[in-house]
Amino acid sequence: MHLSNNLGEVAIQDVVKSHPRIGEILNDFDIGCVDCGVGICLLKDVVAIHALGEEIEERIEKQINDYLKES
């Protein structure tokens, strides 16, 4: 997963604090990690661990990168 601003290397809790819209994108794909009490997993790992398949991961990557370009 190649995310703008190296965001894939950031803990999910920090990503969601800075970019709540990314949490919404993940929720749209039934990735509920944004509510995790620990929140230390890296964004790229949060997506990969759900084994959604390459096509879905590419859609998530595109939506996140499109959002980052707009903000």
N, C-alpha and C. Protein backbone atom coordinates (compact mmCIF):
# COMPACT_ATOMS: atom_id res chain seq x y z
N MET A 1 0.86 -1.17 0.00
CA MET A 1 0.00 0.00 0.00
C MET A 1 0.90 1.23 0.00
N HIS A 2 0.67 2.09 -0.98
CA HIS A 2 1.47 3.30 -1.12
C HIS A 2 0.57 4.51 -0.89
N LEU A 3 0.70 5.10 0.28
CA LEU A 3 -0.15 6.24 0.64
C LEU A 3 0.66 7.52 0.64
N SER A 4 0.04 8.59 0.22
CA SER A 4 0.68 9.90 0.21
C SER A 4 1.18 10.27 1.60
N ASN A 5 2.21 11.07 1.64
CA ASN A 5 2.76 11.59 2.89
C ASN A 5 3.25 10.49 3.83
N ASN A 6 3.55 9.30 3.27
CA ASN A 6 4.02 8.17 4.07
C ASN A 6 3.05 7.81 5.19
N LEU A 7 1.77 8.06 4.96
CA LEU A 7 0.75 7.88 5.98
C LEU A 7 0.55 6.42 6.37
N GLY A 8 0.95 5.50 5.51
CA GLY A 8 0.84 4.09 5.83
C GLY A 8 1.71 3.68 7.01
N GLU A 9 2.71 4.47 7.31
CA GLU A 9 3.64 4.19 8.40
C GLU A 9 3.22 4.84 9.72
N VAL A 10 2.02 5.37 9.78
CA VAL A 10 1.53 6.08 10.96
C VAL A 10 0.50 5.20 11.69
N ALA A 11 0.53 5.24 13.03
CA ALA A 11 -0.43 4.47 13.83
C ALA A 11 -1.85 4.92 13.52
N ILE A 12 -2.76 3.94 13.46
CA ILE A 12 -4.14 4.22 13.08
C ILE A 12 -4.79 5.27 13.98
N GLN A 13 -4.50 5.26 15.27
CA GLN A 13 -5.10 6.25 16.17
C GLN A 13 -4.68 7.67 15.79
N ASP A 14 -3.43 7.83 15.37
CA ASP A 14 -2.95 9.16 14.96
C ASP A 14 -3.52 9.57 13.62
N VAL A 15 -3.66 8.60 12.72
CA VAL A 15 -4.25 8.89 11.41
C VAL A 15 -5.68 9.39 11.58
N VAL A 16 -6.46 8.69 12.38
CA VAL A 16 -7.88 9.04 12.55
C VAL A 16 -8.04 10.38 13.28
N LYS A 17 -7.15 10.67 14.21
CA LYS A 17 -7.21 11.98 14.88
C LYS A 17 -6.96 13.10 13.89
N SER A 18 -5.98 12.92 13.02
CA SER A 18 -5.63 13.96 12.05
C SER A 18 -6.56 13.98 10.84
N HIS A 19 -7.08 12.81 10.49
CA HIS A 19 -7.89 12.68 9.27
C HIS A 19 -9.10 11.78 9.54
N PRO A 20 -10.11 12.29 10.21
CA PRO A 20 -11.30 11.47 10.50
C PRO A 20 -11.93 10.85 9.26
N ARG A 21 -11.81 11.50 8.13
CA ARG A 21 -12.38 10.96 6.88
C ARG A 21 -11.77 9.61 6.54
N ILE A 22 -10.50 9.40 6.86
CA ILE A 22 -9.87 8.11 6.58
C ILE A 22 -10.52 7.02 7.42
N GLY A 23 -10.89 7.33 8.63
CA GLY A 23 -11.63 6.39 9.46
C GLY A 23 -12.95 6.02 8.81
N GLU A 24 -13.61 6.98 8.21
CA GLU A 24 -14.88 6.72 7.52
C GLU A 24 -14.66 5.82 6.31
N ILE A 25 -13.58 6.06 5.58
CA ILE A 25 -13.26 5.22 4.42
C ILE A 25 -13.05 3.78 4.87
N LEU A 26 -12.29 3.59 5.93
CA LEU A 26 -12.03 2.24 6.45
C LEU A 26 -13.33 1.58 6.91
N ASN A 27 -14.17 2.34 7.58
CA ASN A 27 -15.46 1.80 8.03
C ASN A 27 -16.33 1.36 6.85
N ASP A 28 -16.23 2.08 5.75
CA ASP A 28 -16.99 1.72 4.55
C ASP A 28 -16.63 0.33 4.05
N PHE A 29 -15.42 -0.12 4.38
CA PHE A 29 -14.95 -1.45 3.96
C PHE A 29 -14.96 -2.43 5.14
N ASP A 30 -15.75 -2.11 6.15
CA ASP A 30 -15.90 -2.96 7.34
C ASP A 30 -14.59 -3.19 8.08
N ILE A 31 -13.72 -2.19 8.06
CA ILE A 31 -12.51 -2.24 8.86
C ILE A 31 -12.78 -1.36 10.07
N GLY A 32 -13.12 -2.00 11.18
CA GLY A 32 -13.54 -1.28 12.37
C GLY A 32 -12.41 -0.95 13.32
N CYS A 33 -11.19 -0.99 12.84
CA CYS A 33 -10.03 -0.74 13.70
C CYS A 33 -9.96 0.69 14.22
N VAL A 34 -10.72 1.57 13.64
CA VAL A 34 -10.66 2.96 14.07
C VAL A 34 -11.20 3.13 15.49
N ASP A 35 -11.98 2.18 15.97
CA ASP A 35 -12.51 2.25 17.33
C ASP A 35 -11.65 1.49 18.34
N CYS A 36 -10.57 0.92 17.89
CA CYS A 36 -9.70 0.12 18.76
C CYS A 36 -9.14 0.99 19.89
N GLY A 37 -9.16 0.45 21.08
CA GLY A 37 -8.64 1.17 22.24
C GLY A 37 -7.13 1.29 22.26
N VAL A 38 -6.46 0.38 21.57
CA VAL A 38 -4.99 0.41 21.53
C VAL A 38 -4.53 1.33 20.41
N GLY A 39 -4.92 1.03 19.19
CA GLY A 39 -4.68 1.93 18.05
C GLY A 39 -3.25 2.12 17.63
N ILE A 40 -2.36 1.16 17.93
CA ILE A 40 -0.95 1.35 17.57
C ILE A 40 -0.56 0.71 16.24
N CYS A 41 -1.47 -0.06 15.64
CA CYS A 41 -1.18 -0.68 14.35
C CYS A 41 -0.98 0.41 13.30
N LEU A 42 -0.07 0.16 12.39
CA LEU A 42 0.15 1.11 11.30
C LEU A 42 -1.01 1.03 10.33
N LEU A 43 -1.33 2.14 9.70
CA LEU A 43 -2.45 2.18 8.75
C LEU A 43 -2.30 1.11 7.69
N LYS A 44 -1.12 0.96 7.11
CA LYS A 44 -0.93 -0.04 6.05
C LYS A 44 -1.20 -1.45 6.57
N ASP A 45 -0.88 -1.73 7.83
CA ASP A 45 -1.10 -3.05 8.40
C ASP A 45 -2.57 -3.28 8.72
N VAL A 46 -3.26 -2.24 9.13
CA VAL A 46 -4.69 -2.34 9.43
C VAL A 46 -5.44 -2.83 8.20
N VAL A 47 -5.07 -2.33 7.04
CA VAL A 47 -5.73 -2.75 5.81
C VAL A 47 -5.28 -4.15 5.42
N ALA A 48 -3.98 -4.41 5.46
CA ALA A 48 -3.44 -5.69 5.01
C ALA A 48 -3.93 -6.86 5.86
N ILE A 49 -4.03 -6.67 7.15
CA ILE A 49 -4.38 -7.78 8.05
C ILE A 49 -5.79 -8.30 7.81
N HIS A 50 -6.64 -7.51 7.18
CA HIS A 50 -8.01 -7.94 6.92
C HIS A 50 -8.12 -8.80 5.67
N ALA A 51 -7.02 -8.97 4.94
CA ALA A 51 -6.97 -9.85 3.77
C ALA A 51 -8.19 -9.67 2.86
N LEU A 52 -8.41 -8.45 2.44
CA LEU A 52 -9.57 -8.12 1.62
C LEU A 52 -9.33 -8.39 0.13
N GLY A 53 -8.10 -8.68 -0.20
CA GLY A 53 -7.74 -8.91 -1.60
C GLY A 53 -7.15 -7.66 -2.22
N GLU A 54 -6.39 -7.90 -3.26
CA GLU A 54 -5.66 -6.81 -3.91
C GLU A 54 -6.58 -5.73 -4.47
N GLU A 55 -7.66 -6.13 -5.09
CA GLU A 55 -8.57 -5.16 -5.71
C GLU A 55 -9.17 -4.22 -4.67
N ILE A 56 -9.62 -4.75 -3.55
CA ILE A 56 -10.22 -3.92 -2.50
C ILE A 56 -9.15 -3.03 -1.87
N GLU A 57 -7.96 -3.59 -1.62
CA GLU A 57 -6.88 -2.78 -1.05
C GLU A 57 -6.54 -1.62 -1.97
N GLU A 58 -6.54 -1.86 -3.28
CA GLU A 58 -6.26 -0.79 -4.24
C GLU A 58 -7.35 0.28 -4.19
N ARG A 59 -8.60 -0.13 -4.02
CA ARG A 59 -9.70 0.83 -3.91
C ARG A 59 -9.54 1.69 -2.65
N ILE A 60 -9.18 1.06 -1.54
CA ILE A 60 -8.96 1.79 -0.29
C ILE A 60 -7.81 2.77 -0.47
N GLU A 61 -6.72 2.28 -1.03
CA GLU A 61 -5.55 3.13 -1.27
C GLU A 61 -5.91 4.34 -2.12
N LYS A 62 -6.67 4.11 -3.19
CA LYS A 62 -7.06 5.21 -4.08
C LYS A 62 -7.95 6.21 -3.34
N GLN A 63 -8.92 5.72 -2.60
CA GLN A 63 -9.82 6.63 -1.88
C GLN A 63 -9.06 7.47 -0.87
N ILE A 64 -8.14 6.85 -0.15
CA ILE A 64 -7.35 7.60 0.84
C ILE A 64 -6.47 8.62 0.14
N ASN A 65 -5.77 8.21 -0.92
CA ASN A 65 -4.89 9.16 -1.62
C ASN A 65 -5.68 10.28 -2.28
N ASP A 66 -6.86 9.98 -2.83
CA ASP A 66 -7.70 11.04 -3.40
C ASP A 66 -8.12 12.02 -2.32
N TYR A 67 -8.51 11.52 -1.16
CA TYR A 67 -8.88 12.39 -0.04
C TYR A 67 -7.69 13.28 0.34
N LEU A 68 -6.50 12.70 0.45
CA LEU A 68 -5.33 13.47 0.85
C LEU A 68 -4.99 14.56 -0.16
N LYS A 69 -5.20 14.30 -1.43
CA LYS A 69 -4.95 15.31 -2.47
C LYS A 69 -5.91 16.49 -2.33
N GLU A 70 -7.16 16.19 -1.91
CA GLU A 70 -8.18 17.22 -1.80
C GLU A 70 -8.00 18.06 -0.54
N SER A 71 -7.40 17.48 0.48
CA SER A 71 -7.31 18.21 1.77
C SER A 71 -6.06 19.05 1.88
